[in-house]
Amino acid sequence: MIELKDISSDIDLEKFNIDLLQKSFPKEEYRDLKVLKQYIQNKSIFYPKTILLDKKPIGIFHYWQLEEYFYIEHFAISSEHRNKGLGEACLSHIQQTILNNKTIVLEVEIPNSKIAIRRINFYKRLGFHLMDFEYYQPPYKKDYNQIEMKLMINKQIDKIHILNKIRNLMYLNIYNTH
């Protein structure tokens, strides 16, 4: 059975979560761990979860609630559980239960490598659409540069003012920029 567990009160799950975050994402794509730990304890719109399968941790799922939108910041399944359909099963479960089929936004790398294309296709299979919209992820850390990325959204949005609103909410609440 798939379930999500909040990590704010469980040191072992927090450690699993941080370890998998570091193994699954380039250091440019997550905030300083000291800041992350502060967010885990204090951010009221940030929800860091560990994905459990039969009570054992297999993945991470970090999301933000931004008005009527949900932003998936990090989603990863541990390497020993990949390529078994668990990522798809977990994200489908999350979409239907936790996020109640609301508008969900996530960032993906520009589709210029096999792994980036594979990730985009994974999200497309789950009903996400790649937005034709210029987007740069602001730097998570002081001496890093912004990263050109793409947004994917689980609903077809073709109105530029809505995409701008989503981007602005993300910049303000997640990256603390305007």
C-alpha atoms as a PDB file:
ATOM      1  CA  MET A   1       0.000   0.000   0.000  1.00  0.00           C
ATOM      2  CA  ILE A   2       1.293   3.463  -0.961  1.00  0.00           C
ATOM      3  CA  GLU A   3       1.171   6.195   1.660  1.00  0.00           C
ATOM      4  CA  LEU A   4       2.816   9.552   2.285  1.00  0.00           C
ATOM      5  CA  LYS A   5       4.392  10.449   5.589  1.00  0.00           C
ATOM      6  CA  ASP A   6       5.303  13.935   6.765  1.00  0.00           C
ATOM      7  CA  ILE A   7       8.994  14.101   7.626  1.00  0.00           C
ATOM      8  CA  SER A   8       8.917  17.056  10.038  1.00  0.00           C
ATOM      9  CA  SER A   9       8.717  14.873  13.141  1.00  0.00           C
ATOM     10  CA  ASP A  10      10.694  11.811  12.035  1.00  0.00           C
ATOM     11  CA  ILE A  11      14.503  12.082  11.949  1.00  0.00           C
ATOM     12  CA  ASP A  12      14.957   8.775  10.060  1.00  0.00           C
ATOM     13  CA  LEU A  13      12.524   9.797   7.316  1.00  0.00           C
ATOM     14  CA  GLU A  14      14.120  13.245   7.128  1.00  0.00           C
ATOM     15  CA  LYS A  15      17.545  11.604   6.636  1.00  0.00           C
ATOM     16  CA  PHE A  16      16.161   9.233   3.961  1.00  0.00           C
ATOM     17  CA  ASN A  17      14.498  12.207   2.270  1.00  0.00           C
ATOM     18  CA  ILE A  18      17.653  14.345   2.194  1.00  0.00           C
ATOM     19  CA  ASP A  19      19.844  11.427   1.061  1.00  0.00           C
ATOM     20  CA  LEU A  20      17.513  10.620  -1.849  1.00  0.00           C
ATOM     21  CA  LEU A  21      17.222  14.308  -2.767  1.00  0.00           C
ATOM     22  CA  GLN A  22      21.024  14.568  -3.028  1.00  0.00           C
ATOM     23  CA  LYS A  23      21.304  11.343  -5.051  1.00  0.00           C
ATOM     24  CA  SER A  24      18.456  12.198  -7.436  1.00  0.00           C
ATOM     25  CA  PHE A  25      18.966  15.885  -8.238  1.00  0.00           C
ATOM     26  CA  PRO A  26      21.926  18.038  -9.263  1.00  0.00           C
ATOM     27  CA  LYS A  27      23.009  20.358  -6.438  1.00  0.00           C
ATOM     28  CA  GLU A  28      21.773  23.334  -8.490  1.00  0.00           C
ATOM     29  CA  GLU A  29      18.210  21.980  -8.245  1.00  0.00           C
ATOM     30  CA  TYR A  30      17.738  21.977  -4.480  1.00  0.00           C
ATOM     31  CA  ARG A  31      18.257  24.498  -1.724  1.00  0.00           C
ATOM     32  CA  ASP A  32      20.992  24.486   0.878  1.00  0.00           C
ATOM     33  CA  LEU A  33      20.290  21.648   3.327  1.00  0.00           C
ATOM     34  CA  LYS A  34      20.324  23.997   6.328  1.00  0.00           C
ATOM     35  CA  VAL A  35      17.632  26.119   4.658  1.00  0.00           C
ATOM     36  CA  LEU A  36      15.702  22.996   3.649  1.00  0.00           C
ATOM     37  CA  LYS A  37      15.652  21.811   7.267  1.00  0.00           C
ATOM     38  CA  GLN A  38      14.268  25.201   8.315  1.00  0.00           C
ATOM     39  CA  TYR A  39      11.579  24.930   5.642  1.00  0.00           C
ATOM     40  CA  ILE A  40      10.687  21.426   6.816  1.00  0.00           C
ATOM     41  CA  GLN A  41       9.965  22.803  10.278  1.00  0.00           C
ATOM     42  CA  ASN A  42       8.535  26.237   9.492  1.00  0.00           C
ATOM     43  CA  LYS A  43       7.030  26.712   6.016  1.00  0.00           C
ATOM     44  CA  SER A  44       3.249  26.496   6.188  1.00  0.00           C
ATOM     45  CA  ILE A  45       2.746  26.054   2.426  1.00  0.00           C
ATOM     46  CA  PHE A  46       5.605  23.549   1.930  1.00  0.00           C
ATOM     47  CA  TYR A  47       4.877  19.839   2.361  1.00  0.00           C
ATOM     48  CA  PRO A  48       7.905  17.495   2.381  1.00  0.00           C
ATOM     49  CA  LYS A  49       6.789  13.870   2.333  1.00  0.00           C
ATOM     50  CA  THR A  50       8.373  10.459   2.191  1.00  0.00           C
ATOM     51  CA  ILE A  51       6.633   7.909  -0.008  1.00  0.00           C
ATOM     52  CA  LEU A  52       6.139   4.592   1.769  1.00  0.00           C
ATOM     53  CA  LEU A  53       5.305   1.259   0.201  1.00  0.00           C
ATOM     54  CA  ASP A  54       4.162  -1.290   2.752  1.00  0.00           C
ATOM     55  CA  LYS A  55       5.547   1.011   5.492  1.00  0.00           C
ATOM     56  CA  LYS A  56       9.048   1.150   3.914  1.00  0.00           C
ATOM     57  CA  PRO A  57      10.450   4.388   2.409  1.00  0.00           C
ATOM     58  CA  ILE A  58      10.850   4.229  -1.372  1.00  0.00           C
ATOM     59  CA  GLY A  59      10.682   7.849  -2.494  1.00  0.00           C
ATOM     60  CA  ILE A  60      10.277  11.536  -1.813  1.00  0.00           C
ATOM     61  CA  PHE A  61       7.590  14.006  -2.716  1.00  0.00           C
ATOM     62  CA  HIS A  62       7.953  17.722  -1.904  1.00  0.00           C
ATOM     63  CA  TYR A  63       5.154  20.042  -2.889  1.00  0.00           C
ATOM     64  CA  TRP A  64       3.879  23.564  -2.304  1.00  0.00           C
ATOM     65  CA  GLN A  65       0.339  24.885  -2.199  1.00  0.00           C
ATOM     66  CA  LEU A  66       0.200  28.182  -4.095  1.00  0.00           C
ATOM     67  CA  GLU A  67      -3.351  29.491  -3.973  1.00  0.00           C
ATOM     68  CA  GLU A  68      -5.332  27.126  -6.232  1.00  0.00           C
ATOM     69  CA  TYR A  69      -2.200  25.501  -7.675  1.00  0.00           C
ATOM     70  CA  PHE A  70       0.076  22.774  -6.406  1.00  0.00           C
ATOM     71  CA  TYR A  71       3.735  22.851  -7.357  1.00  0.00           C
ATOM     72  CA  ILE A  72       5.727  19.616  -7.212  1.00  0.00           C
ATOM     73  CA  GLU A  73       9.242  20.675  -6.312  1.00  0.00           C
ATOM     74  CA  HIS A  74      10.873  17.260  -5.968  1.00  0.00           C
ATOM     75  CA  PHE A  75       9.616  13.785  -6.791  1.00  0.00           C
ATOM     76  CA  ALA A  76      11.954  10.800  -6.834  1.00  0.00           C
ATOM     77  CA  ILE A  77      11.868   7.051  -6.318  1.00  0.00           C
ATOM     78  CA  SER A  78      14.964   5.355  -4.879  1.00  0.00           C
ATOM     79  CA  SER A  79      17.125   3.612  -7.477  1.00  0.00           C
ATOM     80  CA  GLU A  80      16.372   0.084  -6.253  1.00  0.00           C
ATOM     81  CA  HIS A  81      12.639   0.708  -6.815  1.00  0.00           C
ATOM     82  CA  ARG A  82      12.847   2.376 -10.239  1.00  0.00           C
ATOM     83  CA  ASN A  83      11.612   0.847 -13.506  1.00  0.00           C
ATOM     84  CA  LYS A  84       8.933  -1.177 -11.730  1.00  0.00           C
ATOM     85  CA  GLY A  85       5.997   1.163 -12.364  1.00  0.00           C
ATOM     86  CA  LEU A  86       6.128   2.525  -8.810  1.00  0.00           C
ATOM     87  CA  GLY A  87       6.802   6.133  -9.833  1.00  0.00           C
ATOM     88  CA  GLU A  88       3.720   6.134 -12.026  1.00  0.00           C
ATOM     89  CA  ALA A  89       1.638   4.394  -9.345  1.00  0.00           C
ATOM     90  CA  CYS A  90       2.817   6.830  -6.664  1.00  0.00           C
ATOM     91  CA  LEU A  91       2.187   9.967  -8.696  1.00  0.00           C
ATOM     92  CA  SER A  92      -1.239   8.716  -9.814  1.00  0.00           C
ATOM     93  CA  HIS A  93      -2.108   8.000  -6.171  1.00  0.00           C
ATOM     94  CA  ILE A  94      -0.881  11.457  -5.138  1.00  0.00           C
ATOM     95  CA  GLN A  95      -2.839  13.188  -7.924  1.00  0.00           C
ATOM     96  CA  GLN A  96      -6.079  11.438  -6.991  1.00  0.00           C
ATOM     97  CA  THR A  97      -5.813  11.679  -3.204  1.00  0.00           C
ATOM     98  CA  ILE A  98      -3.564  14.380  -1.800  1.00  0.00           C
ATOM     99  CA  LEU A  99      -3.863  16.864  -4.657  1.00  0.00           C
ATOM    100  CA  ASN A 100      -7.507  16.037  -5.431  1.00  0.00           C
ATOM    101  CA  ASN A 101      -7.078  16.439  -9.189  1.00  0.00           C
ATOM    102  CA  LYS A 102      -6.294  20.162  -8.806  1.00  0.00           C
ATOM    103  CA  THR A 103      -3.959  22.060 -11.123  1.00  0.00           C
ATOM    104  CA  ILE A 104      -0.452  20.684 -10.623  1.00  0.00           C
ATOM    105  CA  VAL A 105       2.707  22.354 -11.911  1.00  0.00           C
ATOM    106  CA  LEU A 106       6.247  21.014 -12.086  1.00  0.00           C
ATOM    107  CA  GLU A 107       9.556  21.959 -13.662  1.00  0.00           C
ATOM    108  CA  VAL A 108      11.482  19.754 -16.076  1.00  0.00           C
ATOM    109  CA  GLU A 109      14.784  20.121 -17.831  1.00  0.00           C
ATOM    110  CA  ILE A 110      14.837  21.354 -21.424  1.00  0.00           C
ATOM    111  CA  PRO A 111      14.279  18.284 -23.671  1.00  0.00           C
ATOM    112  CA  ASN A 112      17.807  18.129 -25.067  1.00  0.00           C
ATOM    113  CA  SER A 113      19.035  14.849 -23.557  1.00  0.00           C
ATOM    114  CA  LYS A 114      17.723  11.282 -23.437  1.00  0.00           C
ATOM    115  CA  ILE A 115      17.087  11.443 -19.675  1.00  0.00           C
ATOM    116  CA  ALA A 116      15.258  14.789 -19.942  1.00  0.00           C
ATOM    117  CA  ILE A 117      13.057  13.438 -22.748  1.00  0.00           C
ATOM    118  CA  ARG A 118      12.411  10.289 -20.730  1.00  0.00           C
ATOM    119  CA  ARG A 119      11.291  12.355 -17.709  1.00  0.00           C
ATOM    120  CA  ILE A 120       9.026  14.518 -19.861  1.00  0.00           C
ATOM    121  CA  ASN A 121       7.437  11.434 -21.412  1.00  0.00           C
ATOM    122  CA  PHE A 122       6.907   9.963 -17.927  1.00  0.00           C
ATOM    123  CA  TYR A 123       4.897  13.030 -16.903  1.00  0.00           C
ATOM    124  CA  LYS A 124       3.045  13.113 -20.245  1.00  0.00           C
ATOM    125  CA  ARG A 125       1.852   9.544 -19.606  1.00  0.00           C
ATOM    126  CA  LEU A 126       0.332  10.866 -16.375  1.00  0.00           C
ATOM    127  CA  GLY A 127      -1.576  13.628 -18.171  1.00  0.00           C
ATOM    128  CA  PHE A 128       0.868  16.522 -17.907  1.00  0.00           C
ATOM    129  CA  HIS A 129       1.376  18.961 -20.782  1.00  0.00           C
ATOM    130  CA  LEU A 130       4.681  20.598 -21.697  1.00  0.00           C
ATOM    131  CA  MET A 131       4.093  24.345 -21.788  1.00  0.00           C
ATOM    132  CA  ASP A 132       5.490  26.390 -24.669  1.00  0.00           C
ATOM    133  CA  PHE A 133       6.460  29.156 -22.258  1.00  0.00           C
ATOM    134  CA  GLU A 134       9.841  30.696 -21.468  1.00  0.00           C
ATOM    135  CA  TYR A 135      10.779  29.783 -17.918  1.00  0.00           C
ATOM    136  CA  TYR A 136      13.918  30.011 -15.797  1.00  0.00           C
ATOM    137  CA  GLN A 137      14.291  28.395 -12.412  1.00  0.00           C
ATOM    138  CA  PRO A 138      15.815  31.004 -10.095  1.00  0.00           C
ATOM    139  CA  PRO A 139      18.935  29.862  -8.255  1.00  0.00           C
ATOM    140  CA  TYR A 140      18.404  27.960  -5.018  1.00  0.00           C
ATOM    141  CA  LYS A 141      21.782  29.075  -3.685  1.00  0.00           C
ATOM    142  CA  LYS A 142      23.527  32.432  -3.580  1.00  0.00           C
ATOM    143  CA  ASP A 143      26.369  31.823  -6.045  1.00  0.00           C
ATOM    144  CA  TYR A 144      24.425  29.749  -8.560  1.00  0.00           C
ATOM    145  CA  ASN A 145      22.845  30.806 -11.845  1.00  0.00           C
ATOM    146  CA  GLN A 146      19.266  30.489 -12.986  1.00  0.00           C
ATOM    147  CA  ILE A 147      18.489  27.373 -15.027  1.00  0.00           C
ATOM    148  CA  GLU A 148      16.421  27.334 -18.202  1.00  0.00           C
ATOM    149  CA  MET A 149      13.645  24.805 -17.714  1.00  0.00           C
ATOM    150  CA  LYS A 150      10.131  24.029 -18.902  1.00  0.00           C
ATOM    151  CA  LEU A 151       6.904  23.929 -16.962  1.00  0.00           C
ATOM    152  CA  MET A 152       4.563  20.979 -17.171  1.00  0.00           C
ATOM    153  CA  ILE A 153       0.973  21.250 -15.996  1.00  0.00           C
ATOM    154  CA  ASN A 154      -1.659  18.551 -15.626  1.00  0.00           C
ATOM    155  CA  LYS A 155      -4.243  20.705 -17.405  1.00  0.00           C
ATOM    156  CA  GLN A 156      -3.981  22.319 -20.805  1.00  0.00           C
ATOM    157  CA  ILE A 157      -3.399  26.018 -20.168  1.00  0.00           C
ATOM    158  CA  ASP A 158      -2.955  28.254 -23.164  1.00  0.00           C
ATOM    159  CA  LYS A 159      -3.565  31.641 -21.577  1.00  0.00           C
ATOM    160  CA  ILE A 160      -0.307  33.515 -21.040  1.00  0.00           C
ATOM    161  CA  HIS A 161      -1.667  35.522 -18.074  1.00  0.00           C
ATOM    162  CA  ILE A 162      -2.367  32.290 -16.148  1.00  0.00           C
ATOM    163  CA  LEU A 163       1.132  30.961 -16.871  1.00  0.00           C
ATOM    164  CA  ASN A 164       2.581  34.308 -15.756  1.00  0.00           C
ATOM    165  CA  LYS A 165       0.528  34.153 -12.546  1.00  0.00           C
ATOM    166  CA  ILE A 166       1.783  30.625 -11.801  1.00  0.00           C
ATOM    167  CA  ARG A 167       5.391  31.632 -12.491  1.00  0.00           C
ATOM    168  CA  ASN A 168       5.069  34.725 -10.295  1.00  0.00           C
ATOM    169  CA  LEU A 169       3.566  32.716  -7.425  1.00  0.00           C
ATOM    170  CA  MET A 170       6.457  30.253  -7.704  1.00  0.00           C
ATOM    171  CA  TYR A 171       9.090  32.983  -7.818  1.00  0.00           C
ATOM    172  CA  LEU A 172       7.628  34.781  -4.816  1.00  0.00           C
ATOM    173  CA  ASN A 173       6.809  31.819  -2.544  1.00  0.00           C
ATOM    174  CA  ILE A 174       9.416  29.206  -3.438  1.00  0.00           C
ATOM    175  CA  TYR A 175      12.422  31.148  -4.639  1.00  0.00           C
ATOM    176  CA  ASN A 176      11.798  34.418  -2.739  1.00  0.00           C
ATOM    177  CA  THR A 177      12.252  36.514  -5.874  1.00  0.00           C
ATOM    178  CA  HIS A 178       9.903  38.761  -7.824  1.00  0.00           C
END
